[in-house]
């Protein structure tokens, strides 16, 4: 049975807003416009974005930890291996964190794209 999640949606060139989606993979992928990538925030929440956003030429959205997140993303709660709805406090925290619309050029998005190979 699909579960409805309360998330914070953040899209390029727009203010963040509350959104309700299901925890079904096709709904999650539709929300970010493709394959999903999950990034831990270290506080019981996750950022879910499009894994191929930079390769697909999506607009820059927000800067995060020295990187650029391109394309739409959402913040959701973490419950072990599952997603959960954000609490009111988490919603406010991330609404504040991502409230400023950032002007990110295509060149900056490209400069934050790359592959790294590590030899063992």
C-alpha atoms as a PDB file:
ATOM      1  CA  UNK A   1       0.000   0.000   0.000  1.00  0.00           C
ATOM      2  CA  UNK A   2       1.583   3.313  -1.052  1.00  0.00           C
ATOM      3  CA  UNK A   3       2.298   5.812   1.699  1.00  0.00           C
ATOM      4  CA  UNK A   4       1.775   9.556   1.186  1.00  0.00           C
ATOM      5  CA  UNK A   5       4.802  11.675   2.077  1.00  0.00           C
ATOM      6  CA  UNK A   6       4.924  15.341   3.006  1.00  0.00           C
ATOM      7  CA  UNK A   7       8.100  16.766   1.433  1.00  0.00           C
ATOM      8  CA  UNK A   8       9.689  20.118   0.689  1.00  0.00           C
ATOM      9  CA  UNK A   9       9.946  20.587  -3.082  1.00  0.00           C
ATOM     10  CA  UNK A  10      12.728  22.821  -4.422  1.00  0.00           C
ATOM     11  CA  UNK A  11      12.755  23.695  -8.119  1.00  0.00           C
ATOM     12  CA  UNK A  12      15.179  25.874 -10.090  1.00  0.00           C
ATOM     13  CA  UNK A  13      14.226  29.578 -10.179  1.00  0.00           C
ATOM     14  CA  UNK A  14      11.383  29.053  -7.654  1.00  0.00           C
ATOM     15  CA  UNK A  15      10.746  29.318  -3.932  1.00  0.00           C
ATOM     16  CA  UNK A  16      10.445  25.997  -2.078  1.00  0.00           C
ATOM     17  CA  UNK A  17       6.976  24.670  -1.324  1.00  0.00           C
ATOM     18  CA  UNK A  18       5.266  21.821   0.501  1.00  0.00           C
ATOM     19  CA  UNK A  19       4.259  18.862  -1.674  1.00  0.00           C
ATOM     20  CA  UNK A  20       2.548  15.529  -1.081  1.00  0.00           C
ATOM     21  CA  UNK A  21       3.793  12.524  -3.085  1.00  0.00           C
ATOM     22  CA  UNK A  22       3.618   8.761  -2.678  1.00  0.00           C
ATOM     23  CA  UNK A  23       6.599   6.634  -1.733  1.00  0.00           C
ATOM     24  CA  UNK A  24       6.321   4.695  -5.011  1.00  0.00           C
ATOM     25  CA  UNK A  25       9.436   4.713  -7.200  1.00  0.00           C
ATOM     26  CA  UNK A  26       7.623   5.968 -10.300  1.00  0.00           C
ATOM     27  CA  UNK A  27       6.167   8.913  -8.348  1.00  0.00           C
ATOM     28  CA  UNK A  28       9.573   9.754  -6.818  1.00  0.00           C
ATOM     29  CA  UNK A  29      11.215   9.639 -10.265  1.00  0.00           C
ATOM     30  CA  UNK A  30       8.483  11.741 -11.847  1.00  0.00           C
ATOM     31  CA  UNK A  31       8.922  14.354  -9.114  1.00  0.00           C
ATOM     32  CA  UNK A  32      12.636  14.850  -9.941  1.00  0.00           C
ATOM     33  CA  UNK A  33      12.320  14.181 -13.678  1.00  0.00           C
ATOM     34  CA  UNK A  34      14.320  10.947 -13.888  1.00  0.00           C
ATOM     35  CA  UNK A  35      16.432   8.484 -11.939  1.00  0.00           C
ATOM     36  CA  UNK A  36      16.705   9.345  -8.257  1.00  0.00           C
ATOM     37  CA  UNK A  37      19.822   9.954  -6.187  1.00  0.00           C
ATOM     38  CA  UNK A  38      19.536  10.149  -2.398  1.00  0.00           C
ATOM     39  CA  UNK A  39      21.871  12.371  -0.359  1.00  0.00           C
ATOM     40  CA  UNK A  40      21.908  12.203   3.436  1.00  0.00           C
ATOM     41  CA  UNK A  41      21.695  15.494   5.315  1.00  0.00           C
ATOM     42  CA  UNK A  42      23.051  13.985   8.557  1.00  0.00           C
ATOM     43  CA  UNK A  43      20.003  14.992  10.589  1.00  0.00           C
ATOM     44  CA  UNK A  44      17.412  12.329   9.796  1.00  0.00           C
ATOM     45  CA  UNK A  45      16.441  13.919   6.500  1.00  0.00           C
ATOM     46  CA  UNK A  46      17.407  13.189   2.906  1.00  0.00           C
ATOM     47  CA  UNK A  47      17.700  15.226  -0.267  1.00  0.00           C
ATOM     48  CA  UNK A  48      16.327  13.357  -3.294  1.00  0.00           C
ATOM     49  CA  UNK A  49      17.427  14.656  -6.687  1.00  0.00           C
ATOM     50  CA  UNK A  50      17.845  13.553 -10.306  1.00  0.00           C
ATOM     51  CA  UNK A  51      20.940  11.382 -10.659  1.00  0.00           C
ATOM     52  CA  UNK A  52      21.558  12.531 -14.254  1.00  0.00           C
ATOM     53  CA  UNK A  53      20.479  16.171 -13.961  1.00  0.00           C
ATOM     54  CA  UNK A  54      23.835  17.677 -14.945  1.00  0.00           C
ATOM     55  CA  UNK A  55      24.345  15.228 -17.806  1.00  0.00           C
ATOM     56  CA  UNK A  56      20.851  16.062 -19.075  1.00  0.00           C
ATOM     57  CA  UNK A  57      21.532  19.822 -18.980  1.00  0.00           C
ATOM     58  CA  UNK A  58      19.018  20.692 -16.263  1.00  0.00           C
ATOM     59  CA  UNK A  59      19.209  24.193 -14.792  1.00  0.00           C
ATOM     60  CA  UNK A  60      21.237  24.783 -11.666  1.00  0.00           C
ATOM     61  CA  UNK A  61      19.035  24.880  -8.587  1.00  0.00           C
ATOM     62  CA  UNK A  62      20.907  25.371  -5.308  1.00  0.00           C
ATOM     63  CA  UNK A  63      24.481  25.126  -4.030  1.00  0.00           C
ATOM     64  CA  UNK A  64      25.106  22.447  -1.425  1.00  0.00           C
ATOM     65  CA  UNK A  65      28.382  21.629   0.333  1.00  0.00           C
ATOM     66  CA  UNK A  66      30.614  22.971  -2.446  1.00  0.00           C
ATOM     67  CA  UNK A  67      28.556  21.337  -5.202  1.00  0.00           C
ATOM     68  CA  UNK A  68      25.672  22.426  -7.387  1.00  0.00           C
ATOM     69  CA  UNK A  69      22.388  20.532  -7.381  1.00  0.00           C
ATOM     70  CA  UNK A  70      20.774  20.782 -10.814  1.00  0.00           C
ATOM     71  CA  UNK A  71      17.145  20.117 -11.602  1.00  0.00           C
ATOM     72  CA  UNK A  72      14.308  19.715  -9.121  1.00  0.00           C
ATOM     73  CA  UNK A  73      14.847  18.039  -5.762  1.00  0.00           C
ATOM     74  CA  UNK A  74      12.928  17.417  -2.579  1.00  0.00           C
ATOM     75  CA  UNK A  75      13.737  16.976   1.095  1.00  0.00           C
ATOM     76  CA  UNK A  76      12.113  14.043   2.885  1.00  0.00           C
ATOM     77  CA  UNK A  77      12.479  12.368   6.264  1.00  0.00           C
ATOM     78  CA  UNK A  78      14.518   9.211   6.770  1.00  0.00           C
ATOM     79  CA  UNK A  79      13.104   6.202   8.625  1.00  0.00           C
ATOM     80  CA  UNK A  80      15.734   3.475   8.392  1.00  0.00           C
ATOM     81  CA  UNK A  81      15.549   2.207   4.818  1.00  0.00           C
ATOM     82  CA  UNK A  82      12.252   4.004   4.170  1.00  0.00           C
ATOM     83  CA  UNK A  83      11.141   7.564   3.593  1.00  0.00           C
ATOM     84  CA  UNK A  84       8.863   9.400   6.027  1.00  0.00           C
ATOM     85  CA  UNK A  85       7.074  12.739   6.004  1.00  0.00           C
ATOM     86  CA  UNK A  86       8.917  15.802   7.231  1.00  0.00           C
ATOM     87  CA  UNK A  87       7.992  17.138  10.655  1.00  0.00           C
ATOM     88  CA  UNK A  88       6.863  20.765  10.964  1.00  0.00           C
ATOM     89  CA  UNK A  89      10.297  21.666  12.385  1.00  0.00           C
ATOM     90  CA  UNK A  90      12.152  19.979   9.509  1.00  0.00           C
ATOM     91  CA  UNK A  91       9.863  21.646   6.966  1.00  0.00           C
ATOM     92  CA  UNK A  92      10.606  25.068   8.453  1.00  0.00           C
ATOM     93  CA  UNK A  93      14.355  24.386   8.702  1.00  0.00           C
ATOM     94  CA  UNK A  94      14.677  23.471   5.031  1.00  0.00           C
ATOM     95  CA  UNK A  95      12.180  26.081   3.870  1.00  0.00           C
ATOM     96  CA  UNK A  96      14.529  28.627   5.463  1.00  0.00           C
ATOM     97  CA  UNK A  97      17.685  26.903   4.129  1.00  0.00           C
ATOM     98  CA  UNK A  98      16.496  26.913   0.493  1.00  0.00           C
ATOM     99  CA  UNK A  99      14.328  30.073   0.499  1.00  0.00           C
ATOM    100  CA  UNK A 100      16.779  32.118  -1.569  1.00  0.00           C
ATOM    101  CA  UNK A 101      16.584  31.497  -5.308  1.00  0.00           C
ATOM    102  CA  UNK A 102      20.158  31.117  -6.544  1.00  0.00           C
ATOM    103  CA  UNK A 103      21.413  32.316  -9.917  1.00  0.00           C
ATOM    104  CA  UNK A 104      23.581  29.451 -11.193  1.00  0.00           C
ATOM    105  CA  UNK A 105      24.963  29.645 -14.710  1.00  0.00           C
ATOM    106  CA  UNK A 106      25.153  26.629 -17.044  1.00  0.00           C
ATOM    107  CA  UNK A 107      28.944  27.044 -16.907  1.00  0.00           C
ATOM    108  CA  UNK A 108      28.944  26.647 -13.126  1.00  0.00           C
ATOM    109  CA  UNK A 109      26.793  23.513 -13.413  1.00  0.00           C
ATOM    110  CA  UNK A 110      29.226  22.063 -15.963  1.00  0.00           C
ATOM    111  CA  UNK A 111      32.260  22.925 -13.839  1.00  0.00           C
ATOM    112  CA  UNK A 112      30.734  20.861 -11.005  1.00  0.00           C
ATOM    113  CA  UNK A 113      30.276  17.829 -13.219  1.00  0.00           C
ATOM    114  CA  UNK A 114      32.883  15.143 -13.461  1.00  0.00           C
ATOM    115  CA  UNK A 115      33.974  11.615 -12.918  1.00  0.00           C
ATOM    116  CA  UNK A 116      36.586  10.551 -10.448  1.00  0.00           C
ATOM    117  CA  UNK A 117      38.583   7.354 -10.671  1.00  0.00           C
ATOM    118  CA  UNK A 118      40.380   5.918  -7.685  1.00  0.00           C
ATOM    119  CA  UNK A 119      42.986   3.249  -7.988  1.00  0.00           C
ATOM    120  CA  UNK A 120      43.138   0.518  -5.386  1.00  0.00           C
END
